[in-house]
């Protein structure tokens, strides 16, 4: 189901790609997006403005990681191993 990748350190570009994919995943479904906005208190305009900022991408990945079924659905749809999501989140949190 997931692409087998050789273990390697995730760099900022890779983390950003995962974050943007996760944001796109949330935005593709009105219910998922509404839940994210409601739980985080982020305004839609702020979401768009901060779409490539570490803090926003960290918020998206943290939200996604808090719901296992959504996380697994995202990972399956994007062929991203869950541990890469965790690594991307850790990278963003370290950068903040």
N, C-alpha and C. Protein backbone atom coordinates (compact mmCIF):
# COMPACT_ATOMS: atom_id res chain seq x y z
N UNK A 1 0.82 -1.18 0.00
CA UNK A 1 0.00 0.00 0.00
C UNK A 1 0.88 1.26 0.00
N UNK A 2 1.92 1.31 0.82
CA UNK A 2 2.82 2.45 0.85
C UNK A 2 4.06 2.13 0.03
N UNK A 3 4.60 3.15 -0.59
CA UNK A 3 5.86 2.97 -1.30
C UNK A 3 6.93 2.66 -0.28
N UNK A 4 7.75 1.70 -0.57
CA UNK A 4 8.86 1.38 0.31
C UNK A 4 10.01 2.33 -0.02
N UNK A 5 10.31 3.19 0.93
CA UNK A 5 11.39 4.14 0.76
C UNK A 5 12.53 3.76 1.69
N UNK A 6 13.73 4.00 1.23
CA UNK A 6 14.87 3.79 2.11
C UNK A 6 14.79 4.84 3.21
N UNK A 7 15.05 4.44 4.43
CA UNK A 7 15.02 5.42 5.51
C UNK A 7 16.03 6.53 5.26
N UNK A 8 15.58 7.75 5.37
CA UNK A 8 16.47 8.89 5.24
C UNK A 8 15.85 10.04 6.01
N UNK A 9 16.67 10.99 6.31
CA UNK A 9 16.19 12.16 7.03
C UNK A 9 15.30 12.98 6.10
N UNK A 10 14.20 13.42 6.63
CA UNK A 10 13.28 14.26 5.87
C UNK A 10 13.81 15.69 5.93
N UNK A 11 13.95 16.33 4.77
CA UNK A 11 14.42 17.71 4.76
C UNK A 11 13.23 18.66 4.74
N UNK A 12 13.51 19.94 4.80
CA UNK A 12 12.45 20.96 4.87
C UNK A 12 11.53 20.88 3.66
N UNK A 13 12.09 20.68 2.47
CA UNK A 13 11.26 20.59 1.26
C UNK A 13 10.31 19.40 1.33
N UNK A 14 10.81 18.27 1.78
CA UNK A 14 9.97 17.09 1.90
C UNK A 14 8.89 17.27 2.94
N UNK A 15 9.25 17.91 4.05
CA UNK A 15 8.26 18.18 5.10
C UNK A 15 7.20 19.14 4.60
N UNK A 16 7.63 20.16 3.87
CA UNK A 16 6.68 21.13 3.32
C UNK A 16 5.74 20.45 2.33
N UNK A 17 6.27 19.57 1.52
CA UNK A 17 5.43 18.84 0.56
C UNK A 17 4.36 18.03 1.28
N UNK A 18 4.74 17.34 2.34
CA UNK A 18 3.78 16.56 3.12
C UNK A 18 2.75 17.48 3.76
N UNK A 19 3.22 18.60 4.30
CA UNK A 19 2.30 19.56 4.92
C UNK A 19 1.28 20.11 3.94
N UNK A 20 1.73 20.47 2.76
CA UNK A 20 0.83 21.01 1.74
C UNK A 20 -0.14 19.91 1.27
N UNK A 21 0.35 18.69 1.12
CA UNK A 21 -0.54 17.59 0.76
C UNK A 21 -1.61 17.39 1.83
N UNK A 22 -1.22 17.50 3.10
CA UNK A 22 -2.17 17.33 4.20
C UNK A 22 -3.19 18.47 4.20
N UNK A 23 -2.74 19.68 3.94
CA UNK A 23 -3.66 20.81 3.87
C UNK A 23 -4.65 20.62 2.72
N UNK A 24 -4.15 20.18 1.58
CA UNK A 24 -5.01 19.91 0.43
C UNK A 24 -6.02 18.81 0.76
N UNK A 25 -5.57 17.78 1.48
CA UNK A 25 -6.46 16.69 1.91
C UNK A 25 -7.59 17.24 2.78
N UNK A 26 -7.25 18.10 3.74
CA UNK A 26 -8.29 18.69 4.60
C UNK A 26 -9.24 19.56 3.79
N UNK A 27 -8.68 20.37 2.91
CA UNK A 27 -9.48 21.32 2.14
C UNK A 27 -10.39 20.64 1.12
N UNK A 28 -10.07 19.42 0.75
CA UNK A 28 -10.85 18.69 -0.26
C UNK A 28 -12.20 18.21 0.28
N UNK A 29 -12.37 18.25 1.58
CA UNK A 29 -13.62 17.78 2.19
C UNK A 29 -14.13 18.86 3.15
N UNK A 30 -15.33 19.37 2.89
CA UNK A 30 -15.87 20.46 3.70
C UNK A 30 -15.96 20.11 5.18
N UNK A 31 -16.33 18.87 5.48
CA UNK A 31 -16.46 18.45 6.88
C UNK A 31 -15.11 18.42 7.57
N UNK A 32 -14.11 17.85 6.91
CA UNK A 32 -12.76 17.81 7.49
C UNK A 32 -12.22 19.22 7.70
N UNK A 33 -12.41 20.08 6.70
CA UNK A 33 -11.90 21.44 6.79
C UNK A 33 -12.61 22.21 7.91
N UNK A 34 -13.93 22.08 7.98
CA UNK A 34 -14.69 22.79 9.02
C UNK A 34 -14.25 22.34 10.41
N UNK A 35 -14.02 21.04 10.57
CA UNK A 35 -13.57 20.52 11.86
C UNK A 35 -12.20 21.09 12.22
N UNK A 36 -11.30 21.12 11.26
CA UNK A 36 -9.97 21.68 11.50
C UNK A 36 -10.06 23.14 11.91
N UNK A 37 -10.81 23.93 11.15
CA UNK A 37 -10.94 25.35 11.46
C UNK A 37 -11.59 25.57 12.82
N UNK A 38 -12.60 24.78 13.12
CA UNK A 38 -13.30 24.91 14.40
C UNK A 38 -12.39 24.56 15.58
N UNK A 39 -11.67 23.47 15.47
CA UNK A 39 -10.82 23.02 16.58
C UNK A 39 -9.59 23.91 16.78
N UNK A 40 -9.08 24.47 15.71
CA UNK A 40 -7.86 25.28 15.83
C UNK A 40 -8.15 26.77 16.00
N UNK A 41 -9.34 27.20 15.61
CA UNK A 41 -9.66 28.62 15.67
C UNK A 41 -9.02 29.42 14.55
N UNK A 42 -8.46 28.76 13.59
CA UNK A 42 -7.82 29.43 12.45
C UNK A 42 -8.92 29.91 11.50
N UNK A 43 -8.81 31.16 11.06
CA UNK A 43 -9.76 31.71 10.10
C UNK A 43 -9.38 31.25 8.69
N UNK A 44 -10.38 31.07 7.82
CA UNK A 44 -10.06 30.63 6.45
C UNK A 44 -9.03 31.51 5.75
N UNK A 45 -9.11 32.82 5.92
CA UNK A 45 -8.14 33.71 5.29
C UNK A 45 -6.74 33.51 5.81
N UNK A 46 -6.64 33.25 7.12
CA UNK A 46 -5.32 32.99 7.72
C UNK A 46 -4.75 31.67 7.22
N UNK A 47 -5.64 30.72 6.98
CA UNK A 47 -5.20 29.42 6.46
C UNK A 47 -4.56 29.58 5.09
N UNK A 48 -5.20 30.36 4.25
CA UNK A 48 -4.68 30.59 2.90
C UNK A 48 -3.37 31.38 2.96
N UNK A 49 -3.35 32.43 3.78
CA UNK A 49 -2.16 33.27 3.88
C UNK A 49 -0.95 32.52 4.43
N UNK A 50 -1.20 31.59 5.34
CA UNK A 50 -0.10 30.88 5.98
C UNK A 50 0.17 29.50 5.44
N UNK A 51 -0.35 29.22 4.27
CA UNK A 51 -0.31 27.86 3.73
C UNK A 51 1.09 27.27 3.59
N UNK A 52 2.11 28.08 3.53
CA UNK A 52 3.48 27.55 3.39
C UNK A 52 4.36 27.88 4.59
N UNK A 53 3.74 28.38 5.65
CA UNK A 53 4.51 28.71 6.86
C UNK A 53 4.61 27.49 7.78
N UNK A 54 5.73 27.38 8.43
CA UNK A 54 5.99 26.22 9.30
C UNK A 54 4.91 26.07 10.37
N UNK A 55 4.50 27.17 10.98
CA UNK A 55 3.50 27.08 12.05
C UNK A 55 2.16 26.55 11.53
N UNK A 56 1.76 27.00 10.35
CA UNK A 56 0.48 26.54 9.79
C UNK A 56 0.57 25.07 9.39
N UNK A 57 1.65 24.70 8.73
CA UNK A 57 1.80 23.30 8.32
C UNK A 57 1.91 22.38 9.53
N UNK A 58 2.56 22.87 10.58
CA UNK A 58 2.62 22.08 11.82
C UNK A 58 1.23 21.90 12.41
N UNK A 59 0.41 22.96 12.39
CA UNK A 59 -0.96 22.87 12.91
C UNK A 59 -1.77 21.85 12.10
N UNK A 60 -1.60 21.86 10.80
CA UNK A 60 -2.31 20.92 9.94
C UNK A 60 -1.87 19.49 10.25
N UNK A 61 -0.57 19.26 10.34
CA UNK A 61 -0.07 17.91 10.60
C UNK A 61 -0.42 17.44 12.01
N UNK A 62 -0.39 18.35 12.97
CA UNK A 62 -0.76 17.99 14.34
C UNK A 62 -2.23 17.59 14.39
N UNK A 63 -3.07 18.37 13.73
CA UNK A 63 -4.50 18.05 13.67
C UNK A 63 -4.72 16.68 13.02
N UNK A 64 -4.09 16.47 11.91
CA UNK A 64 -4.25 15.21 11.19
C UNK A 64 -3.74 14.04 12.03
N UNK A 65 -2.65 14.24 12.73
CA UNK A 65 -2.08 13.18 13.57
C UNK A 65 -2.95 12.85 14.77
N UNK A 66 -3.81 13.77 15.16
CA UNK A 66 -4.66 13.54 16.33
C UNK A 66 -5.88 12.68 16.02
N UNK A 67 -6.12 12.41 14.75
CA UNK A 67 -7.26 11.59 14.33
C UNK A 67 -6.73 10.44 13.47
N UNK A 68 -6.59 9.29 14.10
CA UNK A 68 -5.95 8.16 13.43
C UNK A 68 -6.62 7.77 12.12
N UNK A 69 -7.95 7.76 12.08
CA UNK A 69 -8.62 7.35 10.84
C UNK A 69 -8.34 8.34 9.71
N UNK A 70 -8.35 9.64 10.02
CA UNK A 70 -8.03 10.64 8.99
C UNK A 70 -6.57 10.53 8.57
N UNK A 71 -5.70 10.33 9.54
CA UNK A 71 -4.28 10.18 9.24
C UNK A 71 -4.05 9.01 8.30
N UNK A 72 -4.64 7.88 8.62
CA UNK A 72 -4.45 6.69 7.78
C UNK A 72 -5.07 6.86 6.40
N UNK A 73 -6.20 7.57 6.33
CA UNK A 73 -6.83 7.84 5.03
C UNK A 73 -5.92 8.74 4.19
N UNK A 74 -5.39 9.78 4.82
CA UNK A 74 -4.46 10.67 4.13
C UNK A 74 -3.24 9.89 3.63
N UNK A 75 -2.66 9.11 4.51
CA UNK A 75 -1.46 8.35 4.15
C UNK A 75 -1.71 7.39 3.00
N UNK A 76 -2.86 6.74 3.03
CA UNK A 76 -3.20 5.81 1.94
C UNK A 76 -3.41 6.55 0.62
N UNK A 77 -4.13 7.67 0.67
CA UNK A 77 -4.41 8.43 -0.56
C UNK A 77 -3.14 9.03 -1.16
N UNK A 78 -2.23 9.46 -0.32
CA UNK A 78 -1.03 10.14 -0.80
C UNK A 78 0.21 9.25 -0.85
N UNK A 79 0.07 8.00 -0.46
CA UNK A 79 1.20 7.07 -0.40
C UNK A 79 2.35 7.64 0.44
N UNK A 80 1.96 8.15 1.60
CA UNK A 80 2.91 8.72 2.55
C UNK A 80 2.89 7.85 3.80
N UNK A 81 3.99 7.27 4.19
CA UNK A 81 4.01 6.49 5.42
C UNK A 81 3.72 7.39 6.63
N UNK A 82 2.94 6.90 7.59
CA UNK A 82 2.63 7.72 8.77
C UNK A 82 3.85 8.26 9.48
N UNK A 83 4.94 7.50 9.48
CA UNK A 83 6.14 7.99 10.16
C UNK A 83 6.73 9.22 9.47
N UNK A 84 6.45 9.40 8.19
CA UNK A 84 6.91 10.60 7.49
C UNK A 84 6.10 11.82 7.94
N UNK A 85 4.82 11.60 8.24
CA UNK A 85 4.00 12.69 8.77
C UNK A 85 4.56 13.12 10.12
N UNK A 86 4.86 12.16 10.95
CA UNK A 86 5.43 12.47 12.28
C UNK A 86 6.78 13.18 12.15
N UNK A 87 7.60 12.74 11.22
CA UNK A 87 8.91 13.36 11.02
C UNK A 87 8.76 14.80 10.51
N UNK A 88 7.80 15.02 9.61
CA UNK A 88 7.57 16.37 9.09
C UNK A 88 7.08 17.28 10.22
N UNK A 89 6.17 16.79 11.04
CA UNK A 89 5.69 17.58 12.17
C UNK A 89 6.83 17.94 13.12
N UNK A 90 7.67 16.97 13.42
CA UNK A 90 8.81 17.21 14.31
C UNK A 90 9.75 18.27 13.73
N UNK A 91 9.97 18.21 12.42
CA UNK A 91 10.84 19.18 11.77
C UNK A 91 10.26 20.59 11.89
N UNK A 92 8.96 20.73 11.66
CA UNK A 92 8.32 22.05 11.77
C UNK A 92 8.36 22.55 13.20
N UNK A 93 8.09 21.68 14.15
CA UNK A 93 8.11 22.10 15.54
C UNK A 93 9.49 22.53 15.98
N UNK A 94 10.51 21.88 15.47
CA UNK A 94 11.89 22.24 15.79
C UNK A 94 12.24 23.61 15.20
N UNK A 95 11.67 23.93 14.04
CA UNK A 95 11.97 25.19 13.35
C UNK A 95 11.26 26.39 13.99
N UNK A 96 10.25 26.13 14.80
CA UNK A 96 9.48 27.24 15.38
C UNK A 96 10.07 27.73 16.68
